[in-house]
Amino acid sequence: MEKIFAIGDIHGHFNKLVSIMDKIDIDLDKDTLVFIGDYIDRGPSSFEVVEYLIDLKMHLKNIVFLKGNHEDMLEKYLAGTDRLSYLANGGQKTLEQYLKRSQGHGTYPIPPEHLNFFDSLFLFYQTDDYIFVHAGLRKKVPLEMQNPTDLLWIRNDFILSDYDFGKRVIFGHTPFSEPLVQSNKIGIDTGAVYGNKLTCVELPELVFHYV
């Protein structure tokens, strides 16, 4: 049976990312790997995380990268439309990591292949049984009509809702000490950014892997 592995918010914790990948038993030809967003910021190794994910994308057949609110803030920072939000939410550390490696990249400290990676991120991904999204969904709104701001930022209006979204929603963004498991949703951000665990959920068996 084909499996889906979904990994929660990494936030620049490269060692945890490598450890969780070593821990899961994924069939490279059949299984799907979904990353839920927030690869960068606050942690010590955002550059290395993105490098690793780009390489992984070249070697895995079925892999999906979703956009998190931190990638969205970086995008707005680089576009000059909102610089303060990114810097106030851990972006300074990420920019410093990139600046150390910025030789030869012109006026931007971020190399083109990393920018292409950020540009390629999806706001959501769905299968027959699941919807994967970074933050959550607004109830009573069709998936294709959801506001991108909600997909990236929503918290309590989604988390406290028992609304049936038609499929079980797998999400990150809001950290829990343990995965949140409810009939309509599964939250897999377990606070790796704060020194807690990085979580991967294996579906449909609903098995959790931690590092």
N, C-alpha and C. Protein backbone atom coordinates (compact mmCIF):
# COMPACT_ATOMS: atom_id res chain seq x y z
N MET A 1 0.84 -1.20 0.00
CA MET A 1 0.00 0.00 0.00
C MET A 1 0.87 1.25 0.00
N GLU A 2 0.52 2.21 -0.83
CA GLU A 2 1.28 3.46 -0.88
C GLU A 2 1.06 4.26 0.39
N LYS A 3 2.12 4.90 0.85
CA LYS A 3 2.06 5.68 2.08
C LYS A 3 2.34 7.14 1.79
N ILE A 4 1.92 7.98 2.73
CA ILE A 4 2.27 9.40 2.70
C ILE A 4 2.98 9.72 4.00
N PHE A 5 4.11 10.39 3.89
CA PHE A 5 4.85 10.87 5.05
C PHE A 5 4.81 12.39 5.03
N ALA A 6 4.32 12.99 6.10
CA ALA A 6 4.27 14.46 6.18
C ALA A 6 5.12 14.92 7.36
N ILE A 7 6.00 15.89 7.10
CA ILE A 7 6.95 16.37 8.09
C ILE A 7 6.60 17.80 8.48
N GLY A 8 6.61 18.06 9.78
CA GLY A 8 6.23 19.35 10.32
C GLY A 8 7.27 20.44 10.16
N ASP A 9 7.03 21.57 10.81
CA ASP A 9 7.84 22.78 10.68
C ASP A 9 9.28 22.52 11.14
N ILE A 10 10.25 22.82 10.27
CA ILE A 10 11.67 22.53 10.54
C ILE A 10 12.39 23.73 11.14
N HIS A 11 12.14 24.91 10.63
CA HIS A 11 12.70 26.16 11.16
C HIS A 11 14.22 26.12 11.33
N GLY A 12 14.90 25.70 10.29
CA GLY A 12 16.36 25.79 10.29
C GLY A 12 17.08 24.78 11.14
N HIS A 13 16.39 23.73 11.58
CA HIS A 13 17.03 22.69 12.39
C HIS A 13 17.45 21.54 11.48
N PHE A 14 18.59 21.72 10.88
CA PHE A 14 19.11 20.79 9.88
C PHE A 14 19.34 19.40 10.46
N ASN A 15 19.93 19.33 11.65
CA ASN A 15 20.24 18.03 12.24
C ASN A 15 18.97 17.22 12.49
N LYS A 16 17.91 17.89 12.93
CA LYS A 16 16.65 17.19 13.15
C LYS A 16 16.07 16.69 11.82
N LEU A 17 16.20 17.50 10.78
CA LEU A 17 15.70 17.09 9.47
C LEU A 17 16.41 15.84 8.98
N VAL A 18 17.72 15.82 9.07
CA VAL A 18 18.48 14.65 8.62
C VAL A 18 18.11 13.43 9.46
N SER A 19 17.95 13.62 10.76
CA SER A 19 17.62 12.51 11.65
C SER A 19 16.25 11.92 11.35
N ILE A 20 15.27 12.78 11.08
CA ILE A 20 13.93 12.26 10.79
C ILE A 20 13.91 11.53 9.45
N MET A 21 14.68 12.02 8.48
CA MET A 21 14.74 11.34 7.20
C MET A 21 15.41 9.98 7.33
N ASP A 22 16.39 9.88 8.21
CA ASP A 22 17.05 8.59 8.45
C ASP A 22 16.11 7.61 9.16
N LYS A 23 15.14 8.14 9.87
CA LYS A 23 14.27 7.31 10.71
C LYS A 23 13.10 6.71 9.94
N ILE A 24 12.60 7.40 8.93
CA ILE A 24 11.41 6.91 8.24
C ILE A 24 11.79 5.93 7.13
N ASP A 25 10.92 4.96 6.93
CA ASP A 25 11.14 3.91 5.93
C ASP A 25 10.26 4.21 4.72
N ILE A 26 10.79 5.00 3.82
CA ILE A 26 10.00 5.47 2.68
C ILE A 26 10.41 4.74 1.40
N ASP A 27 9.43 4.28 0.65
CA ASP A 27 9.67 3.67 -0.65
C ASP A 27 9.78 4.79 -1.68
N LEU A 28 10.96 4.99 -2.21
CA LEU A 28 11.22 6.13 -3.09
C LEU A 28 10.41 6.09 -4.37
N ASP A 29 9.94 4.91 -4.78
CA ASP A 29 9.21 4.80 -6.03
C ASP A 29 7.70 4.94 -5.85
N LYS A 30 7.19 4.59 -4.66
CA LYS A 30 5.74 4.56 -4.48
C LYS A 30 5.20 5.59 -3.50
N ASP A 31 5.91 5.84 -2.42
CA ASP A 31 5.39 6.69 -1.36
C ASP A 31 5.54 8.17 -1.68
N THR A 32 4.76 8.99 -1.00
CA THR A 32 4.81 10.44 -1.18
C THR A 32 5.31 11.09 0.10
N LEU A 33 6.17 12.09 -0.07
CA LEU A 33 6.72 12.85 1.05
C LEU A 33 6.24 14.28 0.94
N VAL A 34 5.60 14.78 2.01
CA VAL A 34 5.06 16.13 2.03
C VAL A 34 5.72 16.92 3.15
N PHE A 35 6.24 18.09 2.81
CA PHE A 35 6.77 19.01 3.80
C PHE A 35 5.77 20.15 3.97
N ILE A 36 5.48 20.48 5.22
CA ILE A 36 4.35 21.32 5.56
C ILE A 36 4.68 22.82 5.59
N GLY A 37 5.95 23.18 5.34
CA GLY A 37 6.33 24.59 5.31
C GLY A 37 7.12 25.03 6.53
N ASP A 38 7.56 26.29 6.52
CA ASP A 38 8.43 26.87 7.55
C ASP A 38 9.74 26.09 7.66
N TYR A 39 10.51 26.15 6.58
CA TYR A 39 11.81 25.49 6.53
C TYR A 39 12.88 26.36 7.16
N ILE A 40 12.64 27.66 7.23
CA ILE A 40 13.66 28.63 7.58
C ILE A 40 13.29 29.41 8.84
N ASP A 41 14.28 30.20 9.32
CA ASP A 41 14.12 31.19 10.38
C ASP A 41 14.16 30.58 11.79
N ARG A 42 14.78 31.35 12.67
CA ARG A 42 14.90 31.07 14.10
C ARG A 42 15.93 30.00 14.42
N GLY A 43 16.02 28.96 13.62
CA GLY A 43 17.00 27.91 13.88
C GLY A 43 18.37 28.25 13.34
N PRO A 44 19.37 27.39 13.63
CA PRO A 44 20.76 27.71 13.32
C PRO A 44 21.20 27.45 11.88
N SER A 45 20.41 26.70 11.10
CA SER A 45 20.95 26.20 9.82
C SER A 45 19.91 26.25 8.69
N SER A 46 19.30 27.40 8.49
CA SER A 46 18.28 27.51 7.44
C SER A 46 18.86 27.26 6.06
N PHE A 47 20.04 27.79 5.81
CA PHE A 47 20.69 27.59 4.51
C PHE A 47 20.87 26.09 4.22
N GLU A 48 21.39 25.36 5.21
CA GLU A 48 21.63 23.93 5.03
C GLU A 48 20.33 23.16 4.82
N VAL A 49 19.27 23.57 5.52
CA VAL A 49 17.97 22.92 5.34
C VAL A 49 17.49 23.06 3.90
N VAL A 50 17.57 24.26 3.36
CA VAL A 50 17.08 24.48 1.99
C VAL A 50 17.96 23.74 0.99
N GLU A 51 19.26 23.74 1.19
CA GLU A 51 20.16 22.97 0.32
C GLU A 51 19.78 21.50 0.31
N TYR A 52 19.51 20.96 1.50
CA TYR A 52 19.15 19.55 1.62
C TYR A 52 17.84 19.25 0.89
N LEU A 53 16.86 20.13 1.06
CA LEU A 53 15.56 19.90 0.44
C LEU A 53 15.63 20.00 -1.07
N ILE A 54 16.44 20.92 -1.58
CA ILE A 54 16.62 21.03 -3.03
C ILE A 54 17.23 19.74 -3.58
N ASP A 55 18.22 19.22 -2.88
CA ASP A 55 18.84 17.96 -3.31
C ASP A 55 17.85 16.80 -3.23
N LEU A 56 17.04 16.79 -2.17
CA LEU A 56 16.04 15.75 -1.99
C LEU A 56 15.03 15.77 -3.14
N LYS A 57 14.68 16.97 -3.57
CA LYS A 57 13.72 17.13 -4.67
C LYS A 57 14.24 16.50 -5.96
N MET A 58 15.54 16.47 -6.13
CA MET A 58 16.14 15.91 -7.33
C MET A 58 16.16 14.38 -7.31
N HIS A 59 16.01 13.79 -6.10
CA HIS A 59 16.16 12.35 -5.98
C HIS A 59 14.87 11.61 -5.64
N LEU A 60 13.85 12.35 -5.23
CA LEU A 60 12.59 11.71 -4.86
C LEU A 60 11.55 11.95 -5.95
N LYS A 61 10.83 10.90 -6.31
CA LYS A 61 9.84 10.98 -7.39
C LYS A 61 8.60 11.74 -6.94
N ASN A 62 8.10 11.42 -5.75
CA ASN A 62 6.85 12.00 -5.27
C ASN A 62 7.12 12.84 -4.01
N ILE A 63 7.36 14.10 -4.21
CA ILE A 63 7.69 14.98 -3.10
C ILE A 63 6.96 16.31 -3.28
N VAL A 64 6.42 16.83 -2.19
CA VAL A 64 5.62 18.05 -2.23
C VAL A 64 6.15 19.00 -1.16
N PHE A 65 6.39 20.24 -1.55
CA PHE A 65 6.84 21.27 -0.61
C PHE A 65 5.77 22.36 -0.54
N LEU A 66 5.21 22.54 0.65
CA LEU A 66 4.22 23.60 0.85
C LEU A 66 4.90 24.87 1.35
N LYS A 67 4.24 25.97 1.13
CA LYS A 67 4.73 27.26 1.61
C LYS A 67 4.25 27.48 3.03
N GLY A 68 5.16 27.96 3.89
CA GLY A 68 4.80 28.37 5.23
C GLY A 68 4.76 29.88 5.32
N ASN A 69 4.27 30.39 6.44
CA ASN A 69 4.21 31.85 6.60
C ASN A 69 5.61 32.47 6.64
N HIS A 70 6.62 31.71 7.05
CA HIS A 70 7.97 32.27 7.07
C HIS A 70 8.55 32.41 5.67
N GLU A 71 8.24 31.47 4.79
CA GLU A 71 8.66 31.64 3.39
C GLU A 71 7.90 32.80 2.75
N ASP A 72 6.66 32.97 3.13
CA ASP A 72 5.88 34.08 2.61
C ASP A 72 6.45 35.42 3.09
N MET A 73 6.85 35.49 4.36
CA MET A 73 7.45 36.72 4.87
C MET A 73 8.78 37.02 4.19
N LEU A 74 9.56 35.99 3.92
CA LEU A 74 10.82 36.19 3.19
C LEU A 74 10.54 36.73 1.79
N GLU A 75 9.54 36.18 1.14
CA GLU A 75 9.16 36.64 -0.20
C GLU A 75 8.80 38.12 -0.18
N LYS A 76 8.03 38.54 0.80
CA LYS A 76 7.63 39.94 0.91
C LYS A 76 8.82 40.82 1.29
N TYR A 77 9.72 40.30 2.09
CA TYR A 77 10.94 41.04 2.44
C TYR A 77 11.77 41.31 1.18
N LEU A 78 11.98 40.28 0.39
CA LEU A 78 12.80 40.43 -0.82
C LEU A 78 12.12 41.33 -1.85
N ALA A 79 10.79 41.31 -1.86
CA ALA A 79 10.05 42.18 -2.80
C ALA A 79 9.98 43.61 -2.30
N GLY A 80 10.33 43.84 -1.04
CA GLY A 80 10.29 45.18 -0.48
C GLY A 80 8.92 45.63 -0.05
N THR A 81 7.95 44.71 0.00
CA THR A 81 6.59 45.10 0.37
C THR A 81 6.35 45.06 1.87
N ASP A 82 7.15 44.28 2.58
CA ASP A 82 7.04 44.22 4.05
C ASP A 82 8.35 43.68 4.60
N ARG A 83 9.21 44.56 5.03
CA ARG A 83 10.51 44.15 5.55
C ARG A 83 10.48 43.90 7.05
N LEU A 84 9.66 44.63 7.78
CA LEU A 84 9.68 44.57 9.24
C LEU A 84 9.16 43.23 9.77
N SER A 85 8.10 42.70 9.19
CA SER A 85 7.52 41.45 9.69
C SER A 85 8.53 40.32 9.66
N TYR A 86 9.28 40.23 8.57
CA TYR A 86 10.26 39.15 8.45
C TYR A 86 11.37 39.30 9.49
N LEU A 87 11.90 40.49 9.62
CA LEU A 87 12.99 40.71 10.57
C LEU A 87 12.52 40.49 12.00
N ALA A 88 11.26 40.79 12.28
CA ALA A 88 10.72 40.64 13.64
C ALA A 88 10.37 39.20 13.98
N ASN A 89 10.39 38.32 12.99
CA ASN A 89 9.99 36.93 13.22
C ASN A 89 11.11 35.93 12.92
N GLY A 90 12.33 36.33 13.23
CA GLY A 90 13.45 35.40 13.11
C GLY A 90 14.19 35.44 11.80
N GLY A 91 13.81 36.35 10.91
CA GLY A 91 14.45 36.40 9.60
C GLY A 91 15.88 36.90 9.62
N GLN A 92 16.21 37.71 10.61
CA GLN A 92 17.56 38.29 10.67
C GLN A 92 18.62 37.19 10.71
N LYS A 93 18.36 36.16 11.50
CA LYS A 93 19.33 35.06 11.61
C LYS A 93 19.50 34.35 10.26
N THR A 94 18.40 34.15 9.55
CA THR A 94 18.48 33.51 8.24
C THR A 94 19.27 34.36 7.26
N LEU A 95 19.00 35.65 7.23
CA LEU A 95 19.72 36.54 6.31
C LEU A 95 21.21 36.54 6.62
N GLU A 96 21.56 36.51 7.89
CA GLU A 96 22.98 36.47 8.26
C GLU A 96 23.63 35.19 7.77
N GLN A 97 22.90 34.06 7.84
CA GLN A 97 23.44 32.80 7.33
C GLN A 97 23.68 32.88 5.82
N TYR A 98 22.76 33.51 5.11
CA TYR A 98 22.92 33.65 3.66
C TYR A 98 24.03 34.64 3.31
N LEU A 99 24.14 35.70 4.08
CA LEU A 99 25.17 36.71 3.79
C LEU A 99 26.57 36.11 3.88
N LYS A 100 26.76 35.14 4.75
CA LYS A 100 28.06 34.49 4.88
C LYS A 100 28.43 33.74 3.61
N ARG A 101 27.44 33.42 2.80
CA ARG A 101 27.67 32.61 1.59
C ARG A 101 27.29 33.38 0.32
N SER A 102 27.22 34.68 0.41
CA SER A 102 26.61 35.47 -0.67
C SER A 102 27.56 35.85 -1.79
N GLN A 103 28.84 35.52 -1.69
CA GLN A 103 29.77 35.92 -2.74
C GLN A 103 29.33 35.37 -4.08
N GLY A 104 29.26 36.26 -5.06
CA GLY A 104 28.95 35.83 -6.42
C GLY A 104 27.47 35.80 -6.75
N HIS A 105 26.61 36.23 -5.81
CA HIS A 105 25.18 36.20 -6.07
C HIS A 105 24.60 37.59 -6.32
N GLY A 106 25.44 38.53 -6.65
CA GLY A 106 24.95 39.86 -6.99
C GLY A 106 24.41 40.59 -5.77
N THR A 107 23.33 41.34 -5.98
CA THR A 107 22.79 42.16 -4.90
C THR A 107 21.99 41.34 -3.89
N TYR A 108 21.55 40.13 -4.27
CA TYR A 108 20.78 39.30 -3.35
C TYR A 108 21.71 38.29 -2.68
N PRO A 109 21.58 38.14 -1.38
CA PRO A 109 22.42 37.14 -0.70
C PRO A 109 21.92 35.72 -0.91
N ILE A 110 20.73 35.55 -1.46
CA ILE A 110 20.15 34.22 -1.61
C ILE A 110 20.42 33.72 -3.02
N PRO A 111 21.04 32.55 -3.16
CA PRO A 111 21.39 32.05 -4.50
C PRO A 111 20.16 31.74 -5.34
N PRO A 112 20.29 31.80 -6.65
CA PRO A 112 19.14 31.61 -7.54
C PRO A 112 18.41 30.30 -7.32
N GLU A 113 19.14 29.22 -7.06
CA GLU A 113 18.46 27.93 -6.88
C GLU A 113 17.59 27.92 -5.62
N HIS A 114 17.98 28.69 -4.61
CA HIS A 114 17.15 28.80 -3.42
C HIS A 114 15.92 29.66 -3.70
N LEU A 115 16.11 30.73 -4.44
CA LEU A 115 14.96 31.56 -4.81
C LEU A 115 13.96 30.77 -5.65
N ASN A 116 14.47 29.93 -6.55
CA ASN A 116 13.60 29.09 -7.37
C ASN A 116 12.82 28.11 -6.50
N PHE A 117 13.49 27.59 -5.48
CA PHE A 117 12.82 26.68 -4.56
C PHE A 117 11.68 27.39 -3.85
N PHE A 118 11.94 28.58 -3.31
CA PHE A 118 10.90 29.33 -2.62
C PHE A 118 9.74 29.67 -3.56
N ASP A 119 10.07 29.97 -4.80
CA ASP A 119 9.03 30.32 -5.78
C ASP A 119 8.15 29.12 -6.16
N SER A 120 8.68 27.91 -5.94
CA SER A 120 7.98 26.70 -6.39
C SER A 120 7.02 26.14 -5.35
N LEU A 121 6.94 26.73 -4.17
CA LEU A 121 6.16 26.16 -3.08
C LEU A 121 4.66 26.28 -3.33
N PHE A 122 3.92 25.26 -2.90
CA PHE A 122 2.47 25.22 -3.06
C PHE A 122 1.78 25.70 -1.79
N LEU A 123 0.57 26.25 -1.95
CA LEU A 123 -0.21 26.68 -0.80
C LEU A 123 -0.96 25.51 -0.16
N PHE A 124 -1.29 24.50 -0.94
CA PHE A 124 -1.93 23.31 -0.39
C PHE A 124 -1.71 22.14 -1.34
N TYR A 125 -1.98 20.96 -0.82
CA TYR A 125 -1.88 19.73 -1.60
C TYR A 125 -2.96 18.80 -1.09
N GLN A 126 -3.64 18.10 -1.99
CA GLN A 126 -4.69 17.20 -1.54
C GLN A 126 -4.61 15.86 -2.26
N THR A 127 -5.06 14.84 -1.54
CA THR A 127 -5.20 13.49 -2.09
C THR A 127 -6.68 13.11 -1.94
N ASP A 128 -6.99 11.86 -2.18
CA ASP A 128 -8.38 11.42 -2.04
C ASP A 128 -8.87 11.56 -0.60
N ASP A 129 -7.97 11.44 0.36
CA ASP A 129 -8.37 11.38 1.77
C ASP A 129 -7.90 12.55 2.62
N TYR A 130 -6.92 13.32 2.14
CA TYR A 130 -6.30 14.33 2.99
C TYR A 130 -6.11 15.66 2.25
N ILE A 131 -6.11 16.73 3.04
CA ILE A 131 -5.69 18.05 2.58
C ILE A 131 -4.49 18.44 3.43
N PHE A 132 -3.41 18.82 2.77
CA PHE A 132 -2.20 19.26 3.46
C PHE A 132 -2.07 20.76 3.27
N VAL A 133 -1.86 21.47 4.36
CA VAL A 133 -1.75 22.93 4.31
C VAL A 133 -0.90 23.38 5.48
N HIS A 134 -0.28 24.55 5.35
CA HIS A 134 0.61 24.98 6.43
C HIS A 134 -0.13 25.29 7.72
N ALA A 135 -1.10 26.21 7.67
CA ALA A 135 -1.72 26.69 8.90
C ALA A 135 -3.12 26.13 9.13
N GLY A 136 -3.91 26.00 8.08
CA GLY A 136 -5.28 25.52 8.25
C GLY A 136 -6.21 26.11 7.22
N LEU A 137 -7.50 25.90 7.43
CA LEU A 137 -8.52 26.32 6.48
C LEU A 137 -9.62 27.12 7.18
N ARG A 138 -10.28 27.95 6.42
CA ARG A 138 -11.45 28.67 6.90
C ARG A 138 -12.69 27.81 6.61
N LYS A 139 -13.51 27.57 7.61
CA LYS A 139 -14.66 26.70 7.42
C LYS A 139 -15.66 27.31 6.42
N LYS A 140 -16.36 26.45 5.73
CA LYS A 140 -17.41 26.79 4.77
C LYS A 140 -16.88 27.53 3.54
N VAL A 141 -15.59 27.46 3.31
CA VAL A 141 -14.98 28.06 2.12
C VAL A 141 -14.37 26.95 1.28
N PRO A 142 -14.75 26.79 0.01
CA PRO A 142 -14.14 25.76 -0.83
C PRO A 142 -12.63 25.92 -0.90
N LEU A 143 -11.93 24.81 -1.03
CA LEU A 143 -10.47 24.83 -0.97
C LEU A 143 -9.87 25.81 -1.96
N GLU A 144 -10.36 25.80 -3.19
CA GLU A 144 -9.79 26.66 -4.24
C GLU A 144 -10.09 28.14 -4.00
N MET A 145 -11.01 28.45 -3.08
CA MET A 145 -11.38 29.84 -2.80
C MET A 145 -10.84 30.32 -1.45
N GLN A 146 -10.05 29.50 -0.80
CA GLN A 146 -9.48 29.90 0.48
C GLN A 146 -8.53 31.09 0.29
N ASN A 147 -8.54 32.00 1.26
CA ASN A 147 -7.63 33.14 1.25
C ASN A 147 -6.22 32.65 1.57
N PRO A 148 -5.22 32.97 0.74
CA PRO A 148 -3.86 32.55 1.04
C PRO A 148 -3.38 32.95 2.44
N THR A 149 -3.86 34.10 2.93
CA THR A 149 -3.47 34.51 4.28
C THR A 149 -3.95 33.51 5.31
N ASP A 150 -5.15 32.97 5.14
CA ASP A 150 -5.64 31.95 6.06
C ASP A 150 -4.82 30.67 5.94
N LEU A 151 -4.52 30.26 4.74
CA LEU A 151 -3.75 29.03 4.54
C LEU A 151 -2.40 29.09 5.22
N LEU A 152 -1.84 30.30 5.34
CA LEU A 152 -0.51 30.48 5.90
C LEU A 152 -0.49 30.90 7.36
N TRP A 153 -1.59 31.51 7.85
CA TRP A 153 -1.54 32.17 9.15
C TRP A 153 -2.65 31.77 10.13
N ILE A 154 -3.74 31.20 9.67
CA ILE A 154 -4.90 30.98 10.55
C ILE A 154 -4.51 30.11 11.76
N ARG A 155 -5.12 30.42 12.90
CA ARG A 155 -4.86 29.60 14.09
C ARG A 155 -6.19 29.15 14.72
N ASN A 156 -6.67 29.85 15.74
CA ASN A 156 -7.77 29.36 16.55
C ASN A 156 -9.06 29.13 15.78
N ASP A 157 -9.37 29.97 14.81
CA ASP A 157 -10.61 29.78 14.05
C ASP A 157 -10.63 28.41 13.37
N PHE A 158 -9.46 27.91 13.03
CA PHE A 158 -9.36 26.58 12.45
C PHE A 158 -9.17 25.51 13.52
N ILE A 159 -8.24 25.74 14.43
CA ILE A 159 -7.89 24.71 15.41
C ILE A 159 -9.06 24.36 16.32
N LEU A 160 -9.87 25.34 16.67
CA LEU A 160 -10.99 25.10 17.58
C LEU A 160 -12.25 24.65 16.86
N SER A 161 -12.17 24.52 15.55
CA SER A 161 -13.34 24.17 14.75
C SER A 161 -13.50 22.66 14.62
N ASP A 162 -14.74 22.20 14.73
CA ASP A 162 -15.04 20.78 14.47
C ASP A 162 -15.69 20.60 13.10
N TYR A 163 -15.54 21.59 12.25
CA TYR A 163 -16.14 21.57 10.91
C TYR A 163 -15.54 20.43 10.08
N ASP A 164 -16.39 19.78 9.30
CA ASP A 164 -15.96 18.72 8.40
C ASP A 164 -15.53 19.35 7.08
N PHE A 165 -14.23 19.32 6.81
CA PHE A 165 -13.69 19.93 5.59
C PHE A 165 -13.76 18.98 4.39
N GLY A 166 -14.39 17.82 4.58
CA GLY A 166 -14.52 16.86 3.50
C GLY A 166 -13.40 15.84 3.48
N LYS A 167 -12.23 16.26 3.92
CA LYS A 167 -11.07 15.39 4.05
C LYS A 167 -10.33 15.80 5.33
N ARG A 168 -9.58 14.89 5.88
CA ARG A 168 -8.82 15.22 7.08
C ARG A 168 -7.69 16.17 6.72
N VAL A 169 -7.53 17.22 7.51
CA VAL A 169 -6.55 18.26 7.22
C VAL A 169 -5.28 18.01 8.03
N ILE A 170 -4.15 17.94 7.33
CA ILE A 170 -2.84 17.78 7.97
C ILE A 170 -2.16 19.14 7.92
N PHE A 171 -1.76 19.67 9.08
CA PHE A 171 -1.26 21.04 9.12
C PHE A 171 -0.13 21.20 10.12
N GLY A 172 0.55 22.34 10.03
CA GLY A 172 1.61 22.70 10.96
C GLY A 172 1.31 24.05 11.58
N HIS A 173 2.33 24.93 11.62
CA HIS A 173 2.20 26.34 11.99
C HIS A 173 2.01 26.58 13.49
N THR A 174 1.04 25.93 14.11
CA THR A 174 0.78 26.12 15.53
C THR A 174 1.41 24.96 16.30
N PRO A 175 2.40 25.26 17.16
CA PRO A 175 3.11 24.16 17.84
C PRO A 175 2.31 23.58 19.01
N PHE A 176 2.39 22.26 19.12
CA PHE A 176 1.82 21.52 20.24
C PHE A 176 2.93 20.67 20.85
N SER A 177 2.79 20.34 22.13
CA SER A 177 3.80 19.49 22.76
C SER A 177 3.75 18.07 22.19
N GLU A 178 2.56 17.64 21.76
CA GLU A 178 2.36 16.37 21.08
C GLU A 178 1.46 16.63 19.88
N PRO A 179 1.49 15.76 18.87
CA PRO A 179 0.62 15.98 17.72
C PRO A 179 -0.84 16.11 18.14
N LEU A 180 -1.53 17.04 17.50
CA LEU A 180 -2.97 17.20 17.73
C LEU A 180 -3.71 16.25 16.79
N VAL A 181 -4.46 15.33 17.35
CA VAL A 181 -5.17 14.34 16.55
C VAL A 181 -6.67 14.48 16.82
N GLN A 182 -7.40 14.95 15.82
CA GLN A 182 -8.84 15.07 15.90
C GLN A 182 -9.45 14.45 14.65
N SER A 183 -10.75 14.24 14.68
CA SER A 183 -11.39 13.55 13.56
C SER A 183 -11.27 14.32 12.26
N ASN A 184 -11.18 15.65 12.33
CA ASN A 184 -11.13 16.46 11.11
C ASN A 184 -9.75 17.03 10.81
N LYS A 185 -8.79 16.83 11.71
CA LYS A 185 -7.47 17.45 11.50
C LYS A 185 -6.39 16.76 12.31
N ILE A 186 -5.14 16.91 11.83
CA ILE A 186 -3.96 16.43 12.54
C ILE A 186 -2.90 17.52 12.49
N GLY A 187 -2.48 18.02 13.63
CA GLY A 187 -1.44 19.04 13.70
C GLY A 187 -0.09 18.41 14.00
N ILE A 188 0.90 18.69 13.18
CA ILE A 188 2.20 18.01 13.31
C ILE A 188 3.36 18.95 13.58
N ASP A 189 3.07 20.21 13.95
CA ASP A 189 4.14 21.08 14.43
C ASP A 189 4.28 20.84 15.93
N THR A 190 5.35 20.18 16.32
CA THR A 190 5.56 19.87 17.73
C THR A 190 6.71 20.70 18.31
N GLY A 191 6.93 21.88 17.75
CA GLY A 191 7.82 22.85 18.37
C GLY A 191 9.30 22.57 18.26
N ALA A 192 9.73 22.00 17.13
CA ALA A 192 11.17 21.80 16.92
C ALA A 192 11.93 23.11 17.07
N VAL A 193 11.30 24.21 16.68
CA VAL A 193 11.92 25.53 16.75
C VAL A 193 12.24 25.93 18.18
N TYR A 194 11.53 25.36 19.15
CA TYR A 194 11.74 25.70 20.56
C TYR A 194 12.51 24.61 21.30
N GLY A 195 13.16 23.72 20.57
CA GLY A 195 13.93 22.66 21.19
C GLY A 195 13.13 21.40 21.45
N ASN A 196 11.89 21.38 21.01
CA ASN A 196 11.06 20.18 21.15
C ASN A 196 11.28 19.27 19.94
N LYS A 197 10.38 18.34 19.73
CA LYS A 197 10.55 17.33 18.70
C LYS A 197 10.18 17.84 17.30
N LEU A 198 10.83 17.26 16.30
CA LEU A 198 10.37 17.36 14.91
C LEU A 198 9.56 16.10 14.64
N THR A 199 8.38 16.27 14.07
CA THR A 199 7.44 15.16 13.90
C THR A 199 7.17 14.86 12.45
N CYS A 200 7.07 13.57 12.15
CA CYS A 200 6.60 13.09 10.86
C CYS A 200 5.41 12.17 11.11
N VAL A 201 4.32 12.36 10.37
CA VAL A 201 3.19 11.44 10.46
C VAL A 201 3.16 10.57 9.22
N GLU A 202 2.99 9.28 9.45
CA GLU A 202 2.91 8.30 8.37
C GLU A 202 1.45 7.92 8.19
N LEU A 203 0.96 8.13 6.98
CA LEU A 203 -0.44 7.89 6.65
C LEU A 203 -0.56 6.79 5.60
N PRO A 204 -1.66 6.01 5.62
CA PRO A 204 -2.86 6.17 6.44
C PRO A 204 -2.79 5.50 7.80
N GLU A 205 -1.66 4.86 8.15
CA GLU A 205 -1.58 4.11 9.40
C GLU A 205 -1.67 5.00 10.63
N LEU A 206 -1.42 6.31 10.46
CA LEU A 206 -1.39 7.25 11.56
C LEU A 206 -0.33 6.86 12.60
N VAL A 207 0.87 6.67 12.09
CA VAL A 207 2.04 6.39 12.92
C VAL A 207 2.89 7.64 12.98
N PHE A 208 3.34 8.02 14.17
CA PHE A 208 4.16 9.22 14.33
C PHE A 208 5.61 8.85 14.56
N HIS A 209 6.50 9.58 13.89
CA HIS A 209 7.93 9.43 14.08
C HIS A 209 8.47 10.75 14.62
N TYR A 210 9.38 10.65 15.59
CA TYR A 210 9.91 11.85 16.24
C TYR A 210 11.43 11.82 16.29
N VAL A 211 12.02 13.01 16.31
CA VAL A 211 13.44 13.16 16.67
C VAL A 211 13.58 14.38 17.55
